[in-house]
């Protein structure tokens, strides 16, 4: 499966549920993608669904820089929706809605990421 070449295309493919896109067949992912896309900080990151989670990466592939996957992510099989820090190090919270999960992920982004997105 090829990955989208840039952040905007990755979001577009997920929002459209483009066939062949990673996670496109999971209805439970769609609501989390929509909620995450509504958050400008998350929309500026590369969305990467895998293993039941929507990860937010610092850039598009190829991923060779250290720290590209060090941001919070959302498990999309809810409700409830769980938000974890990178590598499942900490459960940051469990919430009832995808919108609350996206807001929780944003609240745990490093300040640099929020600043780069224009927030």
N, C-alpha and C. Protein backbone atom coordinates (compact mmCIF):
# COMPACT_ATOMS: atom_id res chain seq x y z
N UNK A 1 0.85 -1.17 0.00
CA UNK A 1 0.00 0.00 0.00
C UNK A 1 0.90 1.24 0.00
N UNK A 2 0.69 2.10 -0.95
CA UNK A 2 1.51 3.31 -1.00
C UNK A 2 0.91 4.36 -0.07
N UNK A 3 1.77 5.18 0.46
CA UNK A 3 1.34 6.25 1.36
C UNK A 3 1.16 7.53 0.55
N UNK A 4 0.30 8.40 1.03
CA UNK A 4 0.11 9.70 0.38
C UNK A 4 1.42 10.47 0.42
N UNK A 5 1.71 11.24 -0.63
CA UNK A 5 3.00 11.91 -0.74
C UNK A 5 3.15 13.16 0.14
N UNK A 6 2.03 13.68 0.65
CA UNK A 6 2.10 14.90 1.46
C UNK A 6 0.94 14.94 2.44
N UNK A 7 0.99 15.88 3.35
CA UNK A 7 -0.01 15.99 4.41
C UNK A 7 -1.42 16.22 3.85
N UNK A 8 -1.56 17.17 2.94
CA UNK A 8 -2.88 17.49 2.39
C UNK A 8 -3.51 16.29 1.68
N UNK A 9 -2.73 15.58 0.92
CA UNK A 9 -3.24 14.40 0.21
C UNK A 9 -3.62 13.30 1.19
N UNK A 10 -2.83 13.11 2.22
CA UNK A 10 -3.15 12.09 3.21
C UNK A 10 -4.50 12.37 3.86
N UNK A 11 -4.74 13.61 4.25
CA UNK A 11 -6.04 13.96 4.83
C UNK A 11 -7.16 13.78 3.82
N UNK A 12 -6.93 14.22 2.60
CA UNK A 12 -7.95 14.11 1.56
C UNK A 12 -8.35 12.65 1.34
N UNK A 13 -7.37 11.78 1.22
CA UNK A 13 -7.66 10.36 0.99
C UNK A 13 -8.44 9.76 2.16
N UNK A 14 -8.07 10.15 3.38
CA UNK A 14 -8.79 9.61 4.55
C UNK A 14 -10.21 10.15 4.62
N UNK A 15 -10.37 11.45 4.38
CA UNK A 15 -11.71 12.05 4.44
C UNK A 15 -12.63 11.48 3.37
N UNK A 16 -12.07 11.20 2.19
CA UNK A 16 -12.86 10.64 1.09
C UNK A 16 -13.03 9.13 1.20
N UNK A 17 -12.27 8.51 2.13
CA UNK A 17 -12.24 7.05 2.27
C UNK A 17 -11.87 6.40 0.94
N UNK A 18 -10.85 6.96 0.32
CA UNK A 18 -10.38 6.48 -0.97
C UNK A 18 -10.00 5.01 -0.88
N UNK A 19 -10.55 4.17 -1.76
CA UNK A 19 -10.20 2.75 -1.75
C UNK A 19 -8.68 2.55 -1.84
N UNK A 20 -8.19 1.60 -1.08
CA UNK A 20 -6.77 1.32 -1.06
C UNK A 20 -6.00 2.16 -0.06
N UNK A 21 -6.66 3.14 0.54
CA UNK A 21 -6.01 3.96 1.55
C UNK A 21 -6.01 3.20 2.87
N UNK A 22 -4.92 3.26 3.58
CA UNK A 22 -4.80 2.61 4.87
C UNK A 22 -5.97 3.03 5.77
N UNK A 23 -6.74 2.07 6.26
CA UNK A 23 -7.84 2.34 7.17
C UNK A 23 -9.16 2.73 6.52
N UNK A 24 -9.21 2.85 5.20
CA UNK A 24 -10.42 3.34 4.52
C UNK A 24 -11.65 2.47 4.77
N UNK A 25 -11.45 1.21 5.04
CA UNK A 25 -12.59 0.30 5.24
C UNK A 25 -13.18 0.36 6.65
N UNK A 26 -12.53 1.06 7.55
CA UNK A 26 -12.98 1.12 8.94
C UNK A 26 -13.90 2.31 9.17
N UNK A 27 -15.20 2.06 9.33
CA UNK A 27 -16.15 3.14 9.57
C UNK A 27 -15.83 3.90 10.85
N UNK A 28 -15.30 3.20 11.83
CA UNK A 28 -14.99 3.86 13.10
C UNK A 28 -13.83 4.86 12.96
N UNK A 29 -13.00 4.67 11.95
CA UNK A 29 -11.92 5.62 11.70
C UNK A 29 -12.45 6.93 11.14
N UNK A 30 -13.47 6.86 10.30
CA UNK A 30 -13.98 8.05 9.61
C UNK A 30 -14.38 9.16 10.58
N UNK A 31 -15.06 8.83 11.66
CA UNK A 31 -15.50 9.87 12.60
C UNK A 31 -14.32 10.50 13.33
N UNK A 32 -13.30 9.71 13.61
CA UNK A 32 -12.12 10.24 14.27
C UNK A 32 -11.33 11.13 13.30
N UNK A 33 -11.24 10.72 12.06
CA UNK A 33 -10.55 11.53 11.05
C UNK A 33 -11.24 12.88 10.91
N UNK A 34 -12.55 12.89 10.83
CA UNK A 34 -13.29 14.16 10.69
C UNK A 34 -13.06 15.07 11.89
N UNK A 35 -13.09 14.50 13.09
CA UNK A 35 -12.87 15.30 14.29
C UNK A 35 -11.44 15.83 14.35
N UNK A 36 -10.48 15.00 13.99
CA UNK A 36 -9.08 15.43 14.00
C UNK A 36 -8.82 16.50 12.95
N UNK A 37 -9.42 16.34 11.79
CA UNK A 37 -9.23 17.32 10.70
C UNK A 37 -9.78 18.69 11.10
N UNK A 38 -10.76 18.73 11.96
CA UNK A 38 -11.35 20.00 12.41
C UNK A 38 -10.40 20.78 13.32
N UNK A 39 -9.37 20.12 13.81
CA UNK A 39 -8.39 20.77 14.69
C UNK A 39 -7.19 21.23 13.84
N UNK A 40 -6.97 22.54 13.71
CA UNK A 40 -5.87 23.03 12.87
C UNK A 40 -4.50 22.44 13.23
N UNK A 41 -4.24 22.25 14.51
CA UNK A 41 -2.94 21.68 14.91
C UNK A 41 -2.76 20.27 14.36
N UNK A 42 -3.81 19.47 14.42
CA UNK A 42 -3.72 18.10 13.92
C UNK A 42 -3.74 18.09 12.40
N UNK A 43 -4.51 18.98 11.81
CA UNK A 43 -4.60 19.05 10.34
C UNK A 43 -3.25 19.37 9.70
N UNK A 44 -2.36 20.00 10.45
CA UNK A 44 -1.03 20.34 9.92
C UNK A 44 -0.07 19.15 9.97
N UNK A 45 -0.49 18.06 10.60
CA UNK A 45 0.35 16.86 10.74
C UNK A 45 -0.09 15.79 9.76
N UNK A 46 0.77 14.82 9.53
CA UNK A 46 0.47 13.72 8.61
C UNK A 46 -0.34 12.67 9.35
N UNK A 47 -1.58 12.41 8.93
CA UNK A 47 -2.40 11.40 9.60
C UNK A 47 -2.01 10.00 9.14
N UNK A 48 -1.82 9.10 10.09
CA UNK A 48 -1.35 7.76 9.75
C UNK A 48 -2.11 6.72 10.57
N UNK A 49 -3.17 6.14 9.99
CA UNK A 49 -3.90 5.10 10.71
C UNK A 49 -3.19 3.75 10.61
N UNK A 50 -3.06 3.10 11.75
CA UNK A 50 -2.46 1.77 11.78
C UNK A 50 -2.82 1.09 13.09
N UNK A 51 -3.10 -0.18 13.02
CA UNK A 51 -3.37 -1.00 14.20
C UNK A 51 -4.43 -0.39 15.12
N UNK A 52 -5.52 0.12 14.53
CA UNK A 52 -6.63 0.66 15.31
C UNK A 52 -6.39 2.03 15.92
N UNK A 53 -5.35 2.71 15.45
CA UNK A 53 -5.03 4.02 16.00
C UNK A 53 -4.76 5.02 14.88
N UNK A 54 -5.13 6.27 15.13
CA UNK A 54 -4.80 7.35 14.21
C UNK A 54 -3.62 8.10 14.80
N UNK A 55 -2.47 7.92 14.18
CA UNK A 55 -1.24 8.59 14.60
C UNK A 55 -1.11 9.90 13.84
N UNK A 56 -0.38 10.82 14.44
CA UNK A 56 -0.08 12.10 13.82
C UNK A 56 1.43 12.22 13.73
N UNK A 57 1.93 12.28 12.50
CA UNK A 57 3.37 12.30 12.26
C UNK A 57 3.82 13.70 11.87
N UNK A 58 5.06 13.99 12.15
CA UNK A 58 5.58 15.34 11.91
C UNK A 58 5.80 15.67 10.45
N UNK A 59 5.71 14.70 9.57
CA UNK A 59 5.90 14.96 8.15
C UNK A 59 5.52 13.77 7.31
N UNK A 60 5.54 13.98 6.01
CA UNK A 60 5.19 12.93 5.04
C UNK A 60 6.37 11.99 4.83
N UNK A 61 6.11 10.82 4.25
CA UNK A 61 7.20 9.89 3.99
C UNK A 61 8.19 10.48 2.98
N UNK A 62 9.40 10.00 2.99
CA UNK A 62 9.94 8.89 3.79
C UNK A 62 10.24 9.34 5.21
N UNK A 63 10.02 8.43 6.16
CA UNK A 63 10.24 8.74 7.57
C UNK A 63 11.59 8.22 7.99
N UNK A 64 12.55 9.10 8.05
CA UNK A 64 13.90 8.69 8.44
C UNK A 64 14.45 9.57 9.56
N UNK A 65 13.80 10.67 9.83
CA UNK A 65 14.26 11.56 10.90
C UNK A 65 13.81 11.01 12.25
N UNK A 66 14.66 11.05 13.25
CA UNK A 66 14.23 10.64 14.58
C UNK A 66 13.13 11.58 15.09
N UNK A 67 12.19 11.03 15.84
CA UNK A 67 11.14 11.86 16.44
C UNK A 67 9.95 12.13 15.55
N UNK A 68 9.88 11.55 14.36
CA UNK A 68 8.74 11.82 13.48
C UNK A 68 7.44 11.28 14.06
N UNK A 69 7.52 10.27 14.93
CA UNK A 69 6.32 9.61 15.49
C UNK A 69 6.31 9.73 17.01
N UNK A 70 6.52 10.94 17.52
CA UNK A 70 6.59 11.13 18.97
C UNK A 70 5.41 11.93 19.53
N UNK A 71 4.29 11.89 18.81
CA UNK A 71 3.13 12.70 19.19
C UNK A 71 2.00 11.80 19.71
N UNK A 72 1.05 12.39 20.43
CA UNK A 72 -0.09 11.60 20.91
C UNK A 72 -0.91 11.06 19.75
N UNK A 73 -1.65 9.99 20.02
CA UNK A 73 -2.50 9.39 18.99
C UNK A 73 -3.80 8.92 19.62
N UNK A 74 -4.78 8.63 18.75
CA UNK A 74 -6.14 8.27 19.18
C UNK A 74 -6.46 6.85 18.74
N UNK A 75 -6.94 6.04 19.67
CA UNK A 75 -7.49 4.74 19.30
C UNK A 75 -8.90 4.99 18.77
N UNK A 76 -9.19 4.47 17.58
CA UNK A 76 -10.46 4.83 16.94
C UNK A 76 -11.57 3.80 17.06
N UNK A 77 -11.48 2.86 17.92
CA UNK A 77 -12.53 1.84 18.04
C UNK A 77 -13.64 2.20 19.01
N UNK A 78 -13.72 3.45 19.45
CA UNK A 78 -14.66 3.84 20.51
C UNK A 78 -16.06 4.07 20.02
N UNK A 79 -16.90 4.54 20.87
CA UNK A 79 -16.56 5.11 22.18
C UNK A 79 -16.39 4.03 23.25
N UNK A 80 -15.69 4.33 24.32
CA UNK A 80 -14.91 5.55 24.52
C UNK A 80 -13.68 5.56 23.63
N UNK A 81 -13.13 6.75 23.46
CA UNK A 81 -11.93 6.94 22.65
C UNK A 81 -10.75 7.18 23.60
N UNK A 82 -9.69 6.45 23.40
CA UNK A 82 -8.52 6.59 24.25
C UNK A 82 -7.43 7.35 23.48
N UNK A 83 -6.76 8.23 24.20
CA UNK A 83 -5.65 8.99 23.64
C UNK A 83 -4.40 8.61 24.43
N UNK A 84 -3.36 8.22 23.70
CA UNK A 84 -2.11 7.81 24.31
C UNK A 84 -0.97 8.71 23.86
N UNK A 85 0.06 8.75 24.70
CA UNK A 85 1.30 9.38 24.26
C UNK A 85 2.03 8.40 23.36
N UNK A 86 3.03 8.87 22.68
CA UNK A 86 3.78 8.06 21.73
C UNK A 86 4.23 6.75 22.37
N UNK A 87 4.09 5.68 21.61
CA UNK A 87 4.55 4.38 22.07
C UNK A 87 3.72 3.79 23.20
N UNK A 88 2.51 4.27 23.39
CA UNK A 88 1.64 3.82 24.47
C UNK A 88 2.28 4.05 25.84
N UNK A 89 3.17 5.04 25.94
CA UNK A 89 3.87 5.29 27.21
C UNK A 89 2.88 5.67 28.32
N UNK A 90 1.90 6.52 27.99
CA UNK A 90 0.93 6.97 28.98
C UNK A 90 -0.46 7.06 28.35
N UNK A 91 -1.47 6.63 29.10
CA UNK A 91 -2.85 6.89 28.71
C UNK A 91 -3.13 8.33 29.11
N UNK A 92 -3.36 9.19 28.13
CA UNK A 92 -3.58 10.60 28.40
C UNK A 92 -5.02 10.89 28.78
N UNK A 93 -5.92 9.99 28.39
CA UNK A 93 -7.31 10.15 28.75
C UNK A 93 -8.21 9.26 27.94
N UNK A 94 -9.42 9.11 28.44
CA UNK A 94 -10.46 8.32 27.79
C UNK A 94 -11.70 9.21 27.75
N UNK A 95 -12.22 9.44 26.55
CA UNK A 95 -13.32 10.40 26.38
C UNK A 95 -14.46 9.78 25.57
N UNK A 96 -15.61 10.43 25.59
CA UNK A 96 -16.81 9.87 24.99
C UNK A 96 -16.98 10.15 23.50
N UNK A 97 -16.33 11.21 22.99
CA UNK A 97 -16.56 11.59 21.60
C UNK A 97 -15.24 11.73 20.83
N UNK A 98 -15.31 11.58 19.50
CA UNK A 98 -14.09 11.80 18.71
C UNK A 98 -13.59 13.25 18.81
N UNK A 99 -14.51 14.19 18.94
CA UNK A 99 -14.12 15.60 19.06
C UNK A 99 -13.32 15.84 20.34
N UNK A 100 -13.78 15.21 21.43
CA UNK A 100 -13.05 15.34 22.70
C UNK A 100 -11.69 14.66 22.60
N UNK A 101 -11.61 13.55 21.89
CA UNK A 101 -10.33 12.86 21.70
C UNK A 101 -9.36 13.73 20.92
N UNK A 102 -9.85 14.36 19.87
CA UNK A 102 -8.99 15.24 19.08
C UNK A 102 -8.51 16.42 19.92
N UNK A 103 -9.40 17.01 20.69
CA UNK A 103 -9.02 18.13 21.56
C UNK A 103 -8.00 17.69 22.60
N UNK A 104 -8.16 16.49 23.14
CA UNK A 104 -7.22 15.96 24.12
C UNK A 104 -5.84 15.75 23.48
N UNK A 105 -5.83 15.22 22.27
CA UNK A 105 -4.55 15.04 21.56
C UNK A 105 -3.88 16.39 21.34
N UNK A 106 -4.64 17.39 20.93
CA UNK A 106 -4.08 18.73 20.72
C UNK A 106 -3.50 19.28 22.02
N UNK A 107 -4.20 19.07 23.13
CA UNK A 107 -3.73 19.62 24.41
C UNK A 107 -2.41 18.99 24.86
N UNK A 108 -2.06 17.85 24.29
CA UNK A 108 -0.81 17.19 24.66
C UNK A 108 0.27 17.28 23.58
N UNK A 109 0.04 18.09 22.57
CA UNK A 109 1.08 18.31 21.56
C UNK A 109 2.18 19.17 22.14
N UNK A 110 3.42 18.92 21.76
CA UNK A 110 4.49 19.81 22.20
C UNK A 110 4.22 21.23 21.72
N UNK A 111 4.65 22.20 22.48
CA UNK A 111 4.42 23.60 22.14
C UNK A 111 4.92 23.94 20.74
N UNK A 112 6.06 23.38 20.36
CA UNK A 112 6.64 23.64 19.04
C UNK A 112 5.69 23.24 17.92
N UNK A 113 5.00 22.12 18.06
CA UNK A 113 4.07 21.66 17.04
C UNK A 113 2.89 22.62 16.93
N UNK A 114 2.35 23.03 18.06
CA UNK A 114 1.23 23.98 18.06
C UNK A 114 1.65 25.31 17.44
N UNK A 115 2.86 25.76 17.73
CA UNK A 115 3.36 27.02 17.18
C UNK A 115 3.55 26.94 15.67
N UNK A 116 4.08 25.81 15.18
CA UNK A 116 4.32 25.64 13.76
C UNK A 116 3.02 25.60 12.97
N UNK A 117 1.94 25.17 13.60
CA UNK A 117 0.66 25.08 12.89
C UNK A 117 -0.07 26.42 12.87
N UNK A 118 0.47 27.40 13.55
CA UNK A 118 -0.13 28.73 13.52
C UNK A 118 -1.13 28.96 14.63
N UNK A 119 -1.20 28.06 15.58
CA UNK A 119 -2.15 28.23 16.71
C UNK A 119 -1.63 29.24 17.69
